[in-house]
Amino acid sequence: MINSHCRQCLLTASDQSRLFILEYLKKLDREATVTEVVKKLTLRQPTVTFHINKLAGVGLINKRKIGRQVLLKAHPRTIRCKLCILYN
């Protein structure tokens, strides 16, 4: 049985754009700016920000703000999660 947090993560990451963002941040293995992510997608910045907020809301990515820049990184705890099929 999937616990409620894993279920929420799976539902959140089931969107193609969110899954791309998550995979991109995992591969980068460093912080990236929202601008970098926008350049990789064919979506507008407000749409990318919406998806980022959804991913951060369930704890799949970390985000922090420095001035006007928002830095993103895949959350290290969830990358090691053995229960979640997103990380195996």
C-alpha atoms as a PDB file:
ATOM      1  CA  MET A   1       0.000   0.000   0.000  1.00  0.00           C
ATOM      2  CA  ILE A   2       1.323   3.448  -0.888  1.00  0.00           C
ATOM      3  CA  ASN A   3       1.377   5.885   2.020  1.00  0.00           C
ATOM      4  CA  SER A   4      -0.366   9.235   1.643  1.00  0.00           C
ATOM      5  CA  HIS A   5       2.850  11.262   1.188  1.00  0.00           C
ATOM      6  CA  CYS A   6       4.113   8.982  -1.598  1.00  0.00           C
ATOM      7  CA  ARG A   7       0.712   9.161  -3.231  1.00  0.00           C
ATOM      8  CA  GLN A   8       0.808  12.965  -3.163  1.00  0.00           C
ATOM      9  CA  CYS A   9       4.328  12.977  -4.634  1.00  0.00           C
ATOM     10  CA  LEU A  10       3.283  10.647  -7.434  1.00  0.00           C
ATOM     11  CA  LEU A  11       0.214  12.714  -8.256  1.00  0.00           C
ATOM     12  CA  THR A  12       2.255  15.907  -8.279  1.00  0.00           C
ATOM     13  CA  ALA A  13       5.049  14.475 -10.407  1.00  0.00           C
ATOM     14  CA  SER A  14       2.639  12.843 -12.858  1.00  0.00           C
ATOM     15  CA  ASP A  15       2.512  16.034 -14.930  1.00  0.00           C
ATOM     16  CA  GLN A  16       4.970  15.866 -17.830  1.00  0.00           C
ATOM     17  CA  SER A  17       6.409  19.338 -17.175  1.00  0.00           C
ATOM     18  CA  ARG A  18       6.896  18.663 -13.464  1.00  0.00           C
ATOM     19  CA  LEU A  19       8.570  15.348 -14.152  1.00  0.00           C
ATOM     20  CA  PHE A  20      10.928  17.069 -16.600  1.00  0.00           C
ATOM     21  CA  ILE A  21      11.786  19.739 -14.001  1.00  0.00           C
ATOM     22  CA  LEU A  22      12.425  17.081 -11.367  1.00  0.00           C
ATOM     23  CA  GLU A  23      14.613  14.981 -13.655  1.00  0.00           C
ATOM     24  CA  TYR A  24      16.522  18.058 -14.837  1.00  0.00           C
ATOM     25  CA  LEU A  25      17.295  19.116 -11.254  1.00  0.00           C
ATOM     26  CA  LYS A  26      18.333  15.585 -10.283  1.00  0.00           C
ATOM     27  CA  LYS A  27      20.767  15.356 -13.204  1.00  0.00           C
ATOM     28  CA  LEU A  28      22.224  18.795 -12.567  1.00  0.00           C
ATOM     29  CA  ASP A  29      23.244  17.926  -8.988  1.00  0.00           C
ATOM     30  CA  ARG A  30      23.523  21.617  -8.139  1.00  0.00           C
ATOM     31  CA  GLU A  31      21.202  24.537  -7.614  1.00  0.00           C
ATOM     32  CA  ALA A  32      19.585  25.989 -10.722  1.00  0.00           C
ATOM     33  CA  THR A  33      17.698  29.225 -11.188  1.00  0.00           C
ATOM     34  CA  VAL A  34      14.111  29.372 -12.374  1.00  0.00           C
ATOM     35  CA  THR A  35      15.451  31.169 -15.458  1.00  0.00           C
ATOM     36  CA  GLU A  36      17.605  28.123 -16.307  1.00  0.00           C
ATOM     37  CA  VAL A  37      14.595  25.824 -16.026  1.00  0.00           C
ATOM     38  CA  VAL A  38      12.442  28.157 -18.146  1.00  0.00           C
ATOM     39  CA  LYS A  39      15.108  28.079 -20.886  1.00  0.00           C
ATOM     40  CA  LYS A  40      14.971  24.254 -20.918  1.00  0.00           C
ATOM     41  CA  LEU A  41      11.173  24.147 -21.256  1.00  0.00           C
ATOM     42  CA  THR A  42       8.918  25.614 -23.906  1.00  0.00           C
ATOM     43  CA  LEU A  43       6.685  27.119 -21.224  1.00  0.00           C
ATOM     44  CA  ARG A  44       6.352  30.672 -19.985  1.00  0.00           C
ATOM     45  CA  GLN A  45       7.946  31.682 -16.690  1.00  0.00           C
ATOM     46  CA  PRO A  46       4.645  31.962 -14.728  1.00  0.00           C
ATOM     47  CA  THR A  47       3.706  28.416 -15.771  1.00  0.00           C
ATOM     48  CA  VAL A  48       7.118  27.053 -14.752  1.00  0.00           C
ATOM     49  CA  THR A  49       6.826  28.863 -11.416  1.00  0.00           C
ATOM     50  CA  PHE A  50       3.413  27.241 -10.874  1.00  0.00           C
ATOM     51  CA  HIS A  51       4.895  23.772 -11.456  1.00  0.00           C
ATOM     52  CA  ILE A  52       7.900  24.531  -9.234  1.00  0.00           C
ATOM     53  CA  ASN A  53       5.606  25.593  -6.398  1.00  0.00           C
ATOM     54  CA  LYS A  54       3.663  22.330  -6.706  1.00  0.00           C
ATOM     55  CA  LEU A  55       6.887  20.276  -6.561  1.00  0.00           C
ATOM     56  CA  ALA A  56       8.196  22.276  -3.606  1.00  0.00           C
ATOM     57  CA  GLY A  57       4.846  21.968  -1.853  1.00  0.00           C
ATOM     58  CA  VAL A  58       5.163  18.192  -1.555  1.00  0.00           C
ATOM     59  CA  GLY A  59       8.885  18.353  -0.769  1.00  0.00           C
ATOM     60  CA  LEU A  60      10.304  16.988  -4.018  1.00  0.00           C
ATOM     61  CA  ILE A  61      12.469  20.051  -4.557  1.00  0.00           C
ATOM     62  CA  ASN A  62      13.956  22.751  -2.351  1.00  0.00           C
ATOM     63  CA  LYS A  63      13.761  26.375  -3.319  1.00  0.00           C
ATOM     64  CA  ARG A  64      15.366  29.403  -1.763  1.00  0.00           C
ATOM     65  CA  LYS A  65      15.369  33.024  -2.705  1.00  0.00           C
ATOM     66  CA  ILE A  66      18.411  35.278  -2.965  1.00  0.00           C
ATOM     67  CA  GLY A  67      17.332  38.756  -3.930  1.00  0.00           C
ATOM     68  CA  ARG A  68      15.156  38.316  -7.008  1.00  0.00           C
ATOM     69  CA  GLN A  69      16.647  34.944  -7.957  1.00  0.00           C
ATOM     70  CA  VAL A  70      14.959  31.709  -6.891  1.00  0.00           C
ATOM     71  CA  LEU A  71      17.354  28.767  -6.628  1.00  0.00           C
ATOM     72  CA  LEU A  72      16.092  25.204  -6.991  1.00  0.00           C
ATOM     73  CA  LYS A  73      17.519  21.815  -6.145  1.00  0.00           C
ATOM     74  CA  ALA A  74      16.110  18.300  -5.988  1.00  0.00           C
ATOM     75  CA  HIS A  75      15.514  17.474  -2.338  1.00  0.00           C
ATOM     76  CA  PRO A  76      18.304  15.115  -1.188  1.00  0.00           C
ATOM     77  CA  ARG A  77      16.103  13.136   1.201  1.00  0.00           C
ATOM     78  CA  THR A  78      13.591  12.236  -1.473  1.00  0.00           C
ATOM     79  CA  ILE A  79      16.300  11.279  -3.946  1.00  0.00           C
ATOM     80  CA  ARG A  80      17.313   8.528  -1.507  1.00  0.00           C
ATOM     81  CA  CYS A  81      13.700   7.470  -0.808  1.00  0.00           C
ATOM     82  CA  LYS A  82      13.487   3.708  -1.397  1.00  0.00           C
ATOM     83  CA  LEU A  83       9.680   3.659  -1.314  1.00  0.00           C
ATOM     84  CA  CYS A  84       9.172   6.050  -4.200  1.00  0.00           C
ATOM     85  CA  ILE A  85       9.385   4.764  -7.769  1.00  0.00           C
ATOM     86  CA  LEU A  86      10.465   8.239  -8.904  1.00  0.00           C
ATOM     87  CA  TYR A  87      13.897   7.691  -7.396  1.00  0.00           C
ATOM     88  CA  ASN A  88      14.665   4.039  -8.020  1.00  0.00           C
END
